[in-house]
Amino acid sequence: MSKVWRGIFENSLDARVVRWLGDKNFSWKIGNGKTTLFWEDKWCGKDPLKVDFPRLFRLAKLKYASVFDYSSNYGFSNVNWEDIFVRPLLDREMGILSRLIDRVSCVVLVPEVEDRIL
């Protein structure tokens, strides 16, 4: 690998560099979920969750928390979702939450693996 490509590759591993460059060309492969932002980063679908679920994002207590911070026992099946919002959700918001849960429930965090940029 040339020095130029090595530099590009090494910088792409730095989450701060990627956020500075923008996320249009980057997505995250989840490992332990500690580097990837739950709402802000592309990790579960083609867009960040804040774009696909803007109403829930506005109601979230922790807008800049990691995927790991939102997980429970390295997954999402036992998360108490009502606790992450600033108020109880309305019926129509519960339907949106159900779609969010369906989207993230297939992701399982791996404690010994760091998140990677793709």
Protein backbone atom coordinates (compact mmCIF):
# COMPACT_ATOMS: atom_id res chain seq x y z
CA MET A 1 0.00 0.00 0.00
CA SER A 2 1.39 3.42 -0.88
CA LYS A 3 1.96 6.07 1.79
CA VAL A 4 -0.95 8.10 0.42
CA TRP A 5 -3.44 5.22 0.56
CA ARG A 6 -2.13 4.15 3.97
CA GLY A 7 -2.77 7.71 5.25
CA ILE A 8 -6.26 7.78 3.78
CA PHE A 9 -7.05 4.39 5.28
CA GLU A 10 -5.66 5.25 8.73
CA ASN A 11 -7.55 8.55 8.83
CA SER A 12 -10.78 6.81 7.81
CA LEU A 13 -10.53 4.73 10.99
CA ASP A 14 -10.71 7.83 13.15
CA ALA A 15 -14.33 8.62 14.03
CA ARG A 16 -13.55 12.34 14.46
CA VAL A 17 -12.15 12.55 10.92
CA VAL A 18 -15.19 10.80 9.46
CA ARG A 19 -17.60 13.12 11.26
CA TRP A 20 -15.60 16.12 10.04
CA LEU A 21 -15.69 14.86 6.44
CA GLY A 22 -19.40 14.07 6.63
CA ASP A 23 -21.19 10.75 6.55
CA LYS A 24 -22.49 10.61 2.98
CA ASN A 25 -19.90 8.04 1.92
CA PHE A 26 -19.42 6.29 5.26
CA SER A 27 -21.43 3.87 7.32
CA TRP A 28 -20.59 1.89 10.43
CA LYS A 29 -20.24 -1.84 10.98
CA ILE A 30 -21.23 -2.39 14.58
CA GLY A 31 -18.95 -4.25 16.94
CA ASN A 32 -19.29 -3.19 20.58
CA GLY A 33 -21.33 -0.09 19.65
CA LYS A 34 -19.19 2.30 21.71
CA THR A 35 -17.97 4.50 18.83
CA THR A 36 -21.13 4.72 16.73
CA LEU A 37 -23.80 7.29 17.59
CA PHE A 38 -27.28 5.74 17.79
CA TRP A 39 -29.22 8.59 16.15
CA GLU A 40 -26.55 10.45 14.17
CA ASP A 41 -24.51 7.77 12.37
CA LYS A 42 -25.47 5.43 9.54
CA TRP A 43 -25.31 1.97 11.07
CA CYS A 44 -28.72 0.39 10.62
CA GLY A 45 -30.11 1.25 7.20
CA LYS A 46 -29.13 3.67 4.47
CA ASP A 47 -29.76 6.81 6.55
CA PRO A 48 -29.15 7.79 10.18
CA LEU A 49 -32.02 6.88 12.50
CA LYS A 50 -32.68 10.58 13.20
CA VAL A 51 -33.58 10.99 9.50
CA ASP A 52 -35.87 7.95 9.38
CA PHE A 53 -37.44 8.57 12.81
CA PRO A 54 -37.34 12.37 13.31
CA ARG A 55 -40.24 12.47 15.77
CA LEU A 56 -38.58 9.94 18.08
CA PHE A 57 -35.24 11.74 17.73
CA ARG A 58 -36.85 15.00 18.90
CA LEU A 59 -38.27 13.18 21.94
CA ALA A 60 -35.07 11.31 22.84
CA LYS A 61 -33.39 12.29 26.11
CA LEU A 62 -29.92 11.36 24.81
CA LYS A 63 -29.51 12.58 21.25
CA TYR A 64 -25.75 11.97 21.04
CA ALA A 65 -25.45 8.64 22.85
CA SER A 66 -23.71 5.64 21.36
CA VAL A 67 -25.35 2.47 20.11
CA PHE A 68 -23.91 0.78 23.20
CA ASP A 69 -25.60 3.34 25.48
CA TYR A 70 -28.99 2.42 24.01
CA SER A 71 -28.43 -1.34 24.18
CA SER A 72 -29.18 -3.79 26.96
CA ASN A 73 -27.04 -6.90 27.40
CA TYR A 74 -25.37 -6.23 24.02
CA GLY A 75 -28.66 -6.21 22.13
CA PHE A 76 -31.96 -4.39 21.84
CA SER A 77 -34.54 -7.02 22.82
CA ASN A 78 -34.57 -6.09 26.54
CA VAL A 79 -34.36 -2.29 26.23
CA ASN A 80 -36.97 -0.33 28.18
CA TRP A 81 -37.69 2.07 25.31
CA GLU A 82 -40.15 4.24 27.23
CA ASP A 83 -37.32 5.38 29.53
CA ILE A 84 -35.33 6.95 26.69
CA PHE A 85 -37.92 9.59 25.82
CA VAL A 86 -38.73 12.87 27.57
CA ARG A 87 -42.42 12.00 27.88
CA PRO A 88 -44.70 8.97 27.41
CA LEU A 89 -45.27 8.25 23.73
CA LEU A 90 -48.66 8.77 22.10
CA ASP A 91 -50.34 5.86 20.28
CA ARG A 92 -49.14 7.01 16.86
CA GLU A 93 -45.61 7.39 18.24
CA MET A 94 -45.76 3.84 19.60
CA GLY A 95 -46.28 2.67 16.01
CA ILE A 96 -43.17 4.58 14.96
CA LEU A 97 -41.28 3.09 17.91
CA SER A 98 -42.36 -0.37 16.81
CA ARG A 99 -40.76 0.24 13.40
CA LEU A 100 -37.57 1.47 15.07
CA ILE A 101 -37.43 -1.63 17.28
CA ASP A 102 -37.91 -3.86 14.24
CA ARG A 103 -35.02 -2.08 12.52
CA VAL A 104 -32.48 -2.36 15.35
CA SER A 105 -33.53 -5.66 16.97
CA CYS A 106 -31.48 -7.74 14.53
CA VAL A 107 -28.25 -6.05 15.65
CA VAL A 108 -26.22 -7.85 18.31
CA LEU A 109 -23.22 -6.10 19.81
CA VAL A 110 -19.93 -7.98 20.10
CA PRO A 111 -18.05 -6.78 23.21
CA GLU A 112 -14.52 -7.65 22.02
CA VAL A 113 -14.88 -6.07 18.54
CA GLU A 114 -14.60 -2.33 17.88
CA ASP A 115 -16.96 -0.56 15.48
CA ARG A 116 -15.57 -0.10 11.96
CA ILE A 117 -16.12 2.49 9.28
CA LEU A 118 -17.21 1.15 5.90
